[in-house]
Amino acid sequence: MTRNDRKLDELRRRIPTFRCIDGCRDCCGPVTASSEEMARLPIKTEAEHAAALVEWSCPHLGPSGCHAYDERPLICRLFGTTPRLACPNGCRPERMVDEQTEREVHAFLRQTRQVLV
């Protein structure tokens, strides 16, 4: 396990979770992720990526929501857990992510090579 994999696991544990509205897609769209995050996502074809981009969507998004929810990238995990990335439907965890964790997530994203999901 690489240093980035360990940091990714640590940050994922520190981001609080909450229940989204079933089938909600309001926060989903094209995002970037690190190589370590991409390695954990199901492989999608170039055609699936292209079709999602045309729809300004994510290739892991299906009719009932995210098909890769358990392995979703850090940026997706932050949505709804911080006032800066608030859920448009008002969903949120009991306790929002602490500012230090949010800063560390953004630092991780800046320090790792990001690719379009």
N, C-alpha and C. Protein backbone atom coordinates (compact mmCIF):
# COMPACT_ATOMS: atom_id res chain seq x y z
N MET A 1 0.86 -1.18 0.00
CA MET A 1 0.00 0.00 0.00
C MET A 1 0.90 1.24 0.00
N THR A 2 0.62 2.16 -0.91
CA THR A 2 1.43 3.37 -1.02
C THR A 2 1.04 4.40 0.05
N ARG A 3 1.89 5.39 0.19
CA ARG A 3 1.62 6.51 1.11
C ARG A 3 0.30 7.18 0.76
N ASN A 4 0.06 7.40 -0.55
CA ASN A 4 -1.20 8.03 -0.97
C ASN A 4 -2.41 7.15 -0.67
N ASP A 5 -2.27 5.84 -0.81
CA ASP A 5 -3.37 4.92 -0.47
C ASP A 5 -3.70 5.02 1.02
N ARG A 6 -2.67 5.06 1.84
CA ARG A 6 -2.90 5.17 3.29
C ARG A 6 -3.58 6.49 3.63
N LYS A 7 -3.12 7.59 3.02
CA LYS A 7 -3.71 8.91 3.28
C LYS A 7 -5.16 8.93 2.80
N LEU A 8 -5.42 8.35 1.64
CA LEU A 8 -6.77 8.27 1.10
C LEU A 8 -7.69 7.53 2.07
N ASP A 9 -7.24 6.39 2.57
CA ASP A 9 -8.05 5.63 3.53
C ASP A 9 -8.31 6.44 4.80
N GLU A 10 -7.28 7.12 5.28
CA GLU A 10 -7.44 7.94 6.49
C GLU A 10 -8.48 9.04 6.26
N LEU A 11 -8.37 9.76 5.16
CA LEU A 11 -9.30 10.85 4.87
C LEU A 11 -10.72 10.33 4.70
N ARG A 12 -10.87 9.22 4.02
CA ARG A 12 -12.21 8.63 3.82
C ARG A 12 -12.87 8.32 5.16
N ARG A 13 -12.09 7.81 6.11
CA ARG A 13 -12.64 7.49 7.45
C ARG A 13 -13.07 8.75 8.19
N ARG A 14 -12.42 9.88 7.93
CA ARG A 14 -12.68 11.11 8.68
C ARG A 14 -13.84 11.93 8.11
N ILE A 15 -14.30 11.62 6.91
CA ILE A 15 -15.42 12.36 6.32
C ILE A 15 -16.71 11.71 6.78
N PRO A 16 -17.58 12.47 7.47
CA PRO A 16 -18.83 11.87 7.94
C PRO A 16 -19.74 11.46 6.77
N THR A 17 -20.57 10.48 7.03
CA THR A 17 -21.51 10.02 6.00
C THR A 17 -22.93 10.41 6.39
N PHE A 18 -23.80 10.39 5.41
CA PHE A 18 -25.22 10.66 5.65
C PHE A 18 -26.00 9.99 4.54
N ARG A 19 -27.27 9.89 4.73
CA ARG A 19 -28.14 9.24 3.73
C ARG A 19 -28.61 10.27 2.72
N CYS A 20 -28.34 10.00 1.46
CA CYS A 20 -28.84 10.85 0.37
C CYS A 20 -30.28 10.44 0.06
N ILE A 21 -30.97 11.27 -0.67
CA ILE A 21 -32.29 10.93 -1.18
C ILE A 21 -32.10 9.86 -2.25
N ASP A 22 -32.84 8.76 -2.16
CA ASP A 22 -32.71 7.69 -3.14
C ASP A 22 -32.86 8.23 -4.56
N GLY A 23 -31.90 7.88 -5.40
CA GLY A 23 -31.95 8.29 -6.80
C GLY A 23 -31.52 9.72 -7.06
N CYS A 24 -31.12 10.44 -6.02
CA CYS A 24 -30.70 11.84 -6.22
C CYS A 24 -29.45 11.89 -7.08
N ARG A 25 -29.40 12.89 -7.92
CA ARG A 25 -28.26 13.09 -8.82
C ARG A 25 -27.81 14.54 -8.81
N ASP A 26 -28.33 15.33 -7.88
CA ASP A 26 -28.09 16.77 -7.90
C ASP A 26 -26.63 17.18 -7.73
N CYS A 27 -25.84 16.39 -7.02
CA CYS A 27 -24.43 16.72 -6.80
C CYS A 27 -23.51 16.04 -7.81
N CYS A 28 -24.05 15.15 -8.60
CA CYS A 28 -23.23 14.32 -9.47
C CYS A 28 -22.96 15.01 -10.80
N GLY A 29 -21.75 14.88 -11.21
CA GLY A 29 -21.35 15.45 -12.48
C GLY A 29 -19.94 15.02 -12.76
N PRO A 30 -19.33 15.55 -13.76
CA PRO A 30 -17.94 15.19 -14.02
C PRO A 30 -17.07 15.68 -12.86
N VAL A 31 -16.26 14.79 -12.33
CA VAL A 31 -15.31 15.14 -11.27
C VAL A 31 -13.97 14.54 -11.62
N THR A 32 -12.96 14.99 -10.92
CA THR A 32 -11.64 14.39 -11.07
C THR A 32 -11.33 13.56 -9.83
N ALA A 33 -10.40 12.63 -9.99
CA ALA A 33 -9.98 11.77 -8.89
C ALA A 33 -8.52 11.41 -9.08
N SER A 34 -7.88 11.03 -7.99
CA SER A 34 -6.48 10.61 -8.06
C SER A 34 -6.37 9.22 -8.69
N SER A 35 -5.18 8.85 -9.06
CA SER A 35 -4.93 7.52 -9.62
C SER A 35 -5.35 6.44 -8.63
N GLU A 36 -5.08 6.69 -7.34
CA GLU A 36 -5.43 5.72 -6.31
C GLU A 36 -6.95 5.54 -6.23
N GLU A 37 -7.68 6.64 -6.35
CA GLU A 37 -9.15 6.56 -6.33
C GLU A 37 -9.67 5.87 -7.58
N MET A 38 -9.09 6.20 -8.73
CA MET A 38 -9.53 5.59 -9.99
C MET A 38 -9.33 4.08 -9.96
N ALA A 39 -8.25 3.61 -9.34
CA ALA A 39 -7.97 2.18 -9.27
C ALA A 39 -9.04 1.43 -8.47
N ARG A 40 -9.76 2.14 -7.62
CA ARG A 40 -10.80 1.52 -6.79
C ARG A 40 -12.18 1.54 -7.45
N LEU A 41 -12.32 2.31 -8.51
CA LEU A 41 -13.61 2.42 -9.20
C LEU A 41 -13.74 1.34 -10.27
N PRO A 42 -14.97 0.93 -10.54
CA PRO A 42 -15.18 -0.02 -11.65
C PRO A 42 -14.68 0.59 -12.96
N ILE A 43 -14.12 -0.22 -13.81
CA ILE A 43 -13.60 0.25 -15.10
C ILE A 43 -14.77 0.56 -16.03
N LYS A 44 -14.69 1.70 -16.68
CA LYS A 44 -15.69 2.11 -17.67
C LYS A 44 -15.01 2.25 -19.02
N THR A 45 -15.76 2.01 -20.07
CA THR A 45 -15.20 2.12 -21.43
C THR A 45 -15.09 3.59 -21.82
N GLU A 46 -14.31 3.82 -22.87
CA GLU A 46 -14.20 5.18 -23.40
C GLU A 46 -15.57 5.69 -23.85
N ALA A 47 -16.38 4.80 -24.42
CA ALA A 47 -17.72 5.17 -24.87
C ALA A 47 -18.59 5.59 -23.68
N GLU A 48 -18.48 4.87 -22.57
CA GLU A 48 -19.25 5.24 -21.37
C GLU A 48 -18.81 6.58 -20.82
N HIS A 49 -17.51 6.82 -20.82
CA HIS A 49 -16.98 8.11 -20.38
C HIS A 49 -17.47 9.23 -21.29
N ALA A 50 -17.39 9.02 -22.58
CA ALA A 50 -17.81 10.04 -23.55
C ALA A 50 -19.30 10.34 -23.42
N ALA A 51 -20.11 9.31 -23.27
CA ALA A 51 -21.57 9.50 -23.14
C ALA A 51 -21.89 10.28 -21.87
N ALA A 52 -21.20 9.98 -20.78
CA ALA A 52 -21.43 10.70 -19.53
C ALA A 52 -21.04 12.16 -19.66
N LEU A 53 -19.92 12.42 -20.31
CA LEU A 53 -19.46 13.80 -20.47
C LEU A 53 -20.42 14.61 -21.32
N VAL A 54 -20.99 14.01 -22.36
CA VAL A 54 -21.99 14.70 -23.19
C VAL A 54 -23.18 15.13 -22.33
N GLU A 55 -23.54 14.28 -21.37
CA GLU A 55 -24.67 14.57 -20.47
C GLU A 55 -24.23 15.40 -19.25
N TRP A 56 -22.95 15.79 -19.21
CA TRP A 56 -22.38 16.52 -18.08
C TRP A 56 -22.65 15.73 -16.79
N SER A 57 -22.32 14.44 -16.86
CA SER A 57 -22.62 13.51 -15.79
C SER A 57 -21.37 12.71 -15.44
N CYS A 58 -21.56 11.65 -14.68
CA CYS A 58 -20.49 10.75 -14.26
C CYS A 58 -20.78 9.37 -14.83
N PRO A 59 -19.78 8.67 -15.33
CA PRO A 59 -20.02 7.35 -15.91
C PRO A 59 -20.48 6.31 -14.88
N HIS A 60 -20.35 6.61 -13.61
CA HIS A 60 -20.77 5.68 -12.55
C HIS A 60 -22.18 5.98 -12.05
N LEU A 61 -22.83 6.92 -12.68
CA LEU A 61 -24.17 7.31 -12.26
C LEU A 61 -25.21 6.57 -13.10
N GLY A 62 -26.11 5.88 -12.42
CA GLY A 62 -27.17 5.14 -13.09
C GLY A 62 -28.53 5.71 -12.72
N PRO A 63 -29.60 5.14 -13.22
CA PRO A 63 -30.95 5.63 -12.94
C PRO A 63 -31.30 5.69 -11.46
N SER A 64 -30.72 4.78 -10.66
CA SER A 64 -31.04 4.78 -9.23
C SER A 64 -29.95 5.43 -8.38
N GLY A 65 -29.00 6.11 -9.00
CA GLY A 65 -27.94 6.80 -8.26
C GLY A 65 -26.56 6.27 -8.60
N CYS A 66 -25.64 6.48 -7.71
CA CYS A 66 -24.23 6.13 -7.91
C CYS A 66 -24.02 4.63 -7.81
N HIS A 67 -23.43 4.05 -8.85
CA HIS A 67 -23.13 2.62 -8.86
C HIS A 67 -21.80 2.32 -8.20
N ALA A 68 -21.05 3.34 -7.84
CA ALA A 68 -19.74 3.16 -7.20
C ALA A 68 -19.72 3.87 -5.85
N TYR A 69 -20.87 3.97 -5.22
CA TYR A 69 -21.02 4.79 -4.01
C TYR A 69 -20.00 4.44 -2.93
N ASP A 70 -19.77 3.16 -2.67
CA ASP A 70 -18.84 2.77 -1.61
C ASP A 70 -17.40 3.16 -1.92
N GLU A 71 -17.07 3.30 -3.18
CA GLU A 71 -15.71 3.67 -3.59
C GLU A 71 -15.62 5.07 -4.19
N ARG A 72 -16.67 5.88 -4.03
CA ARG A 72 -16.69 7.20 -4.64
C ARG A 72 -15.49 8.04 -4.20
N PRO A 73 -15.02 8.93 -5.08
CA PRO A 73 -13.86 9.76 -4.79
C PRO A 73 -14.09 10.72 -3.61
N LEU A 74 -12.99 11.24 -3.09
CA LEU A 74 -13.05 12.15 -1.95
C LEU A 74 -13.95 13.35 -2.21
N ILE A 75 -13.86 13.93 -3.40
CA ILE A 75 -14.66 15.12 -3.68
C ILE A 75 -16.15 14.79 -3.60
N CYS A 76 -16.53 13.61 -4.04
CA CYS A 76 -17.93 13.19 -3.94
C CYS A 76 -18.33 13.00 -2.48
N ARG A 77 -17.42 12.47 -1.68
CA ARG A 77 -17.70 12.27 -0.26
C ARG A 77 -17.87 13.59 0.48
N LEU A 78 -17.19 14.64 0.02
CA LEU A 78 -17.30 15.94 0.68
C LEU A 78 -18.65 16.61 0.44
N PHE A 79 -19.27 16.34 -0.71
CA PHE A 79 -20.57 16.97 -1.01
C PHE A 79 -21.55 16.69 0.12
N GLY A 80 -22.14 17.76 0.62
CA GLY A 80 -23.13 17.65 1.68
C GLY A 80 -22.56 17.59 3.08
N THR A 81 -21.23 17.49 3.20
CA THR A 81 -20.62 17.40 4.53
C THR A 81 -19.97 18.70 4.96
N THR A 82 -19.96 19.70 4.08
CA THR A 82 -19.36 21.00 4.37
C THR A 82 -20.24 22.09 3.79
N PRO A 83 -20.34 23.23 4.47
CA PRO A 83 -21.15 24.33 3.92
C PRO A 83 -20.67 24.80 2.55
N ARG A 84 -19.38 24.59 2.24
CA ARG A 84 -18.85 25.02 0.94
C ARG A 84 -19.30 24.12 -0.20
N LEU A 85 -19.76 22.91 0.13
CA LEU A 85 -20.29 21.97 -0.87
C LEU A 85 -21.62 21.42 -0.35
N ALA A 86 -22.53 22.32 -0.08
CA ALA A 86 -23.80 21.95 0.55
C ALA A 86 -24.69 21.15 -0.40
N CYS A 87 -25.44 20.22 0.18
CA CYS A 87 -26.41 19.45 -0.58
C CYS A 87 -27.55 20.39 -0.98
N PRO A 88 -27.93 20.42 -2.26
CA PRO A 88 -29.02 21.31 -2.68
C PRO A 88 -30.38 20.91 -2.10
N ASN A 89 -30.47 19.69 -1.55
CA ASN A 89 -31.72 19.22 -0.95
C ASN A 89 -31.71 19.32 0.58
N GLY A 90 -30.63 19.87 1.13
CA GLY A 90 -30.55 20.05 2.57
C GLY A 90 -30.12 18.82 3.35
N CYS A 91 -29.73 17.75 2.68
CA CYS A 91 -29.26 16.56 3.39
C CYS A 91 -27.88 16.86 3.97
N ARG A 92 -27.59 16.27 5.10
CA ARG A 92 -26.29 16.49 5.73
C ARG A 92 -26.11 15.50 6.87
N PRO A 93 -24.87 15.28 7.28
CA PRO A 93 -24.64 14.40 8.43
C PRO A 93 -24.98 15.14 9.73
N GLU A 94 -25.08 14.39 10.80
CA GLU A 94 -25.31 15.02 12.11
C GLU A 94 -24.21 16.01 12.43
N ARG A 95 -22.98 15.62 12.12
CA ARG A 95 -21.81 16.46 12.38
C ARG A 95 -21.12 16.71 11.04
N MET A 96 -20.93 17.96 10.70
CA MET A 96 -20.25 18.30 9.44
C MET A 96 -18.77 17.95 9.55
N VAL A 97 -18.11 17.82 8.42
CA VAL A 97 -16.68 17.52 8.40
C VAL A 97 -15.94 18.66 9.09
N ASP A 98 -14.89 18.31 9.83
CA ASP A 98 -14.12 19.37 10.49
C ASP A 98 -13.24 20.08 9.46
N GLU A 99 -12.93 21.34 9.74
CA GLU A 99 -12.20 22.17 8.78
C GLU A 99 -10.82 21.61 8.46
N GLN A 100 -10.15 21.01 9.45
CA GLN A 100 -8.82 20.44 9.21
C GLN A 100 -8.89 19.31 8.19
N THR A 101 -9.86 18.43 8.34
CA THR A 101 -10.02 17.33 7.38
C THR A 101 -10.32 17.87 6.00
N GLU A 102 -11.21 18.86 5.92
CA GLU A 102 -11.54 19.44 4.62
C GLU A 102 -10.29 20.03 3.97
N ARG A 103 -9.47 20.74 4.75
CA ARG A 103 -8.22 21.30 4.20
C ARG A 103 -7.30 20.19 3.71
N GLU A 104 -7.21 19.10 4.49
CA GLU A 104 -6.35 17.99 4.10
C GLU A 104 -6.86 17.30 2.83
N VAL A 105 -8.15 17.18 2.68
CA VAL A 105 -8.71 16.60 1.46
C VAL A 105 -8.31 17.46 0.26
N HIS A 106 -8.50 18.77 0.36
CA HIS A 106 -8.15 19.65 -0.76
C HIS A 106 -6.65 19.64 -1.03
N ALA A 107 -5.84 19.53 0.02
CA ALA A 107 -4.38 19.43 -0.17
C ALA A 107 -4.04 18.14 -0.89
N PHE A 108 -4.68 17.03 -0.51
CA PHE A 108 -4.46 15.75 -1.18
C PHE A 108 -4.81 15.87 -2.65
N LEU A 109 -5.93 16.50 -2.94
CA LEU A 109 -6.36 16.65 -4.34
C LEU A 109 -5.37 17.49 -5.13
N ARG A 110 -4.81 18.53 -4.49
CA ARG A 110 -3.82 19.37 -5.19
C ARG A 110 -2.50 18.63 -5.39
N GLN A 111 -2.15 17.74 -4.46
CA GLN A 111 -0.84 17.09 -4.49
C GLN A 111 -0.81 15.81 -5.33
N THR A 112 -1.96 15.32 -5.73
CA THR A 112 -2.00 14.09 -6.52
C THR A 112 -2.43 14.40 -7.94
N ARG A 113 -2.00 13.57 -8.84
CA ARG A 113 -2.39 13.73 -10.24
C ARG A 113 -3.87 13.39 -10.35
N GLN A 114 -4.64 14.33 -10.84
CA GLN A 114 -6.09 14.14 -10.97
C GLN A 114 -6.44 13.85 -12.43
N VAL A 115 -7.36 12.92 -12.61
CA VAL A 115 -7.87 12.59 -13.94
C VAL A 115 -9.39 12.65 -13.91
N LEU A 116 -9.99 12.88 -15.04
CA LEU A 116 -11.44 12.94 -15.14
C LEU A 116 -12.01 11.54 -14.92
N VAL A 117 -12.97 11.43 -14.02
CA VAL A 117 -13.56 10.12 -13.72
C VAL A 117 -14.31 9.60 -14.92
